[in-house]
Amino acid sequence: SALQEVRNCNDHPCTVYHWQTGPWGQCIEDTSVPRAGAGIGTNEAFCSVGMQTRKVICVRVNVGQ
């Protein structure tokens, strides 16, 4: 039978990334979404949707950004 030869290729270490996240910011009302409310006489209660943001960076491990 024929001989077969094998060798490694692409044997350099793979680059590894991870997400680095900052703290969530303040909750701010999303004015693009209508408020839901219930009026009782002159007193009214409203509920609305809020949004928060935070900084997200893709970082290469052991190198920095």
N, C-alpha and C. Protein backbone atom coordinates (compact mmCIF):
# COMPACT_ATOMS: atom_id res chain seq x y z
N SER A 1 0.84 -1.19 0.00
CA SER A 1 0.00 0.00 0.00
C SER A 1 0.88 1.25 0.00
N ALA A 2 0.32 2.39 -0.44
CA ALA A 2 1.08 3.64 -0.57
C ALA A 2 1.28 4.28 0.80
N LEU A 3 2.39 4.96 0.96
CA LEU A 3 2.66 5.70 2.19
C LEU A 3 1.96 7.05 2.14
N GLN A 4 1.64 7.57 3.31
CA GLN A 4 0.98 8.87 3.39
C GLN A 4 1.78 9.74 4.35
N GLU A 5 2.03 10.95 3.98
CA GLU A 5 2.78 11.87 4.82
C GLU A 5 1.84 12.98 5.29
N VAL A 6 1.95 13.36 6.55
CA VAL A 6 1.08 14.39 7.14
C VAL A 6 1.96 15.44 7.80
N ARG A 7 1.57 16.70 7.67
CA ARG A 7 2.28 17.76 8.37
C ARG A 7 1.28 18.81 8.85
N ASN A 8 1.64 19.54 9.89
CA ASN A 8 0.79 20.60 10.42
C ASN A 8 0.84 21.81 9.51
N CYS A 9 -0.24 22.52 9.45
CA CYS A 9 -0.29 23.79 8.73
C CYS A 9 -1.11 24.78 9.54
N ASN A 10 -0.95 26.03 9.25
CA ASN A 10 -1.68 27.07 9.97
C ASN A 10 -1.54 26.87 11.48
N ASP A 11 -0.31 26.66 11.93
CA ASP A 11 -0.10 26.31 13.33
C ASP A 11 0.24 27.52 14.22
N HIS A 12 -0.01 28.73 13.72
CA HIS A 12 0.19 29.90 14.58
C HIS A 12 -1.01 30.04 15.52
N PRO A 13 -0.82 30.67 16.66
CA PRO A 13 -1.94 30.81 17.60
C PRO A 13 -3.05 31.70 17.00
N CYS A 14 -4.26 31.34 17.28
CA CYS A 14 -5.41 32.12 16.80
C CYS A 14 -5.55 33.39 17.63
N THR A 15 -6.00 34.44 16.99
CA THR A 15 -6.27 35.69 17.68
C THR A 15 -7.59 35.54 18.42
N VAL A 16 -7.59 35.93 19.69
CA VAL A 16 -8.79 35.79 20.52
C VAL A 16 -9.29 37.19 20.88
N TYR A 17 -10.58 37.37 20.76
CA TYR A 17 -11.22 38.65 21.08
C TYR A 17 -12.27 38.44 22.17
N HIS A 18 -12.56 39.50 22.91
CA HIS A 18 -13.69 39.47 23.84
C HIS A 18 -14.30 40.87 23.91
N TRP A 19 -15.53 40.93 24.42
CA TRP A 19 -16.22 42.21 24.55
C TRP A 19 -15.92 42.80 25.92
N GLN A 20 -15.48 44.05 25.95
CA GLN A 20 -15.27 44.76 27.20
C GLN A 20 -16.40 45.78 27.30
N THR A 21 -17.14 45.73 28.39
CA THR A 21 -18.31 46.60 28.54
C THR A 21 -18.15 47.54 29.72
N GLY A 22 -18.70 48.72 29.58
CA GLY A 22 -18.71 49.70 30.66
C GLY A 22 -20.01 49.61 31.43
N PRO A 23 -20.18 50.44 32.43
CA PRO A 23 -21.41 50.42 33.22
C PRO A 23 -22.59 50.98 32.42
N TRP A 24 -23.79 50.54 32.79
CA TRP A 24 -25.00 51.06 32.16
C TRP A 24 -25.20 52.50 32.60
N GLY A 25 -25.66 53.34 31.68
CA GLY A 25 -25.95 54.74 31.98
C GLY A 25 -27.34 54.88 32.60
N GLN A 26 -27.72 56.12 32.81
CA GLN A 26 -29.01 56.45 33.39
C GLN A 26 -30.15 56.01 32.46
N CYS A 27 -31.27 55.61 33.04
CA CYS A 27 -32.46 55.25 32.26
C CYS A 27 -33.14 56.54 31.80
N ILE A 28 -33.26 56.67 30.47
CA ILE A 28 -33.85 57.88 29.88
C ILE A 28 -35.11 57.48 29.12
N GLU A 29 -36.17 58.26 29.28
CA GLU A 29 -37.44 57.97 28.61
C GLU A 29 -37.27 57.94 27.10
N ASP A 30 -37.82 56.91 26.47
CA ASP A 30 -37.82 56.79 25.01
C ASP A 30 -39.08 57.47 24.50
N THR A 31 -38.95 58.69 24.00
CA THR A 31 -40.11 59.47 23.57
C THR A 31 -40.69 59.01 22.24
N SER A 32 -40.03 58.05 21.57
CA SER A 32 -40.58 57.54 20.31
C SER A 32 -41.67 56.50 20.56
N VAL A 33 -41.81 56.05 21.82
CA VAL A 33 -42.84 55.06 22.18
C VAL A 33 -43.94 55.79 22.94
N PRO A 34 -45.20 55.64 22.51
CA PRO A 34 -46.30 56.33 23.21
C PRO A 34 -46.41 55.89 24.67
N ARG A 35 -46.77 56.83 25.52
CA ARG A 35 -46.98 56.51 26.94
C ARG A 35 -48.28 55.75 27.13
N ALA A 36 -48.27 54.86 28.10
CA ALA A 36 -49.51 54.19 28.51
C ALA A 36 -49.95 54.87 29.80
N GLY A 37 -51.23 55.20 29.90
CA GLY A 37 -51.67 55.89 31.10
C GLY A 37 -53.11 55.59 31.44
N ALA A 38 -53.44 55.86 32.68
CA ALA A 38 -54.81 55.68 33.16
C ALA A 38 -55.16 56.91 33.97
N GLY A 39 -56.18 57.61 33.57
CA GLY A 39 -56.59 58.80 34.29
C GLY A 39 -57.69 58.48 35.29
N ILE A 40 -57.53 58.96 36.52
CA ILE A 40 -58.55 58.78 37.56
C ILE A 40 -58.88 60.17 38.07
N GLY A 41 -59.98 60.70 37.60
CA GLY A 41 -60.33 62.07 37.95
C GLY A 41 -59.27 63.02 37.42
N THR A 42 -58.70 63.81 38.30
CA THR A 42 -57.64 64.73 37.87
C THR A 42 -56.25 64.13 38.06
N ASN A 43 -56.18 63.01 38.77
CA ASN A 43 -54.89 62.35 38.98
C ASN A 43 -54.62 61.39 37.83
N GLU A 44 -53.46 61.47 37.25
CA GLU A 44 -53.11 60.57 36.15
C GLU A 44 -51.79 59.88 36.46
N ALA A 45 -51.72 58.61 36.07
CA ALA A 45 -50.48 57.84 36.23
C ALA A 45 -50.04 57.39 34.84
N PHE A 46 -48.79 57.61 34.54
CA PHE A 46 -48.27 57.23 33.23
C PHE A 46 -47.10 56.27 33.39
N CYS A 47 -46.97 55.42 32.40
CA CYS A 47 -45.84 54.49 32.36
C CYS A 47 -45.25 54.59 30.96
N SER A 48 -43.94 54.70 30.87
CA SER A 48 -43.31 54.79 29.55
C SER A 48 -42.08 53.88 29.49
N VAL A 49 -41.60 53.69 28.29
CA VAL A 49 -40.44 52.84 28.04
C VAL A 49 -39.19 53.70 28.19
N GLY A 50 -38.15 53.12 28.77
CA GLY A 50 -36.88 53.82 28.92
C GLY A 50 -35.78 53.12 28.16
N MET A 51 -34.66 53.82 27.99
CA MET A 51 -33.50 53.23 27.32
C MET A 51 -32.25 53.54 28.14
N GLN A 52 -31.33 52.59 28.14
CA GLN A 52 -30.03 52.79 28.76
C GLN A 52 -28.96 52.46 27.73
N THR A 53 -27.81 53.09 27.83
CA THR A 53 -26.71 52.79 26.93
C THR A 53 -25.46 52.50 27.75
N ARG A 54 -24.51 51.83 27.10
CA ARG A 54 -23.20 51.61 27.71
C ARG A 54 -22.17 51.46 26.60
N LYS A 55 -20.94 51.70 26.93
CA LYS A 55 -19.84 51.59 25.98
C LYS A 55 -19.44 50.12 25.85
N VAL A 56 -19.27 49.65 24.61
CA VAL A 56 -18.86 48.27 24.34
C VAL A 56 -17.69 48.31 23.36
N ILE A 57 -16.59 47.64 23.72
CA ILE A 57 -15.39 47.64 22.88
C ILE A 57 -14.97 46.20 22.62
N CYS A 58 -14.63 45.91 21.37
CA CYS A 58 -14.07 44.60 21.02
C CYS A 58 -12.56 44.68 21.24
N VAL A 59 -12.04 43.83 22.13
CA VAL A 59 -10.63 43.89 22.52
C VAL A 59 -9.93 42.59 22.14
N ARG A 60 -8.76 42.73 21.54
CA ARG A 60 -7.94 41.56 21.23
C ARG A 60 -7.19 41.17 22.50
N VAL A 61 -7.30 39.93 22.93
CA VAL A 61 -6.71 39.45 24.17
C VAL A 61 -5.19 39.57 24.12
N ASN A 62 -4.60 40.01 25.22
CA ASN A 62 -3.15 40.15 25.43
C ASN A 62 -2.48 41.20 24.55
N VAL A 63 -3.27 42.06 23.88
CA VAL A 63 -2.68 43.08 23.04
C VAL A 63 -3.26 44.45 23.36
N GLY A 64 -4.53 44.52 23.69
CA GLY A 64 -5.23 45.79 23.89
C GLY A 64 -6.28 45.94 22.82
N GLN A 65 -6.58 47.17 22.46
CA GLN A 65 -7.65 47.42 21.50
C GLN A 65 -7.21 47.15 20.09
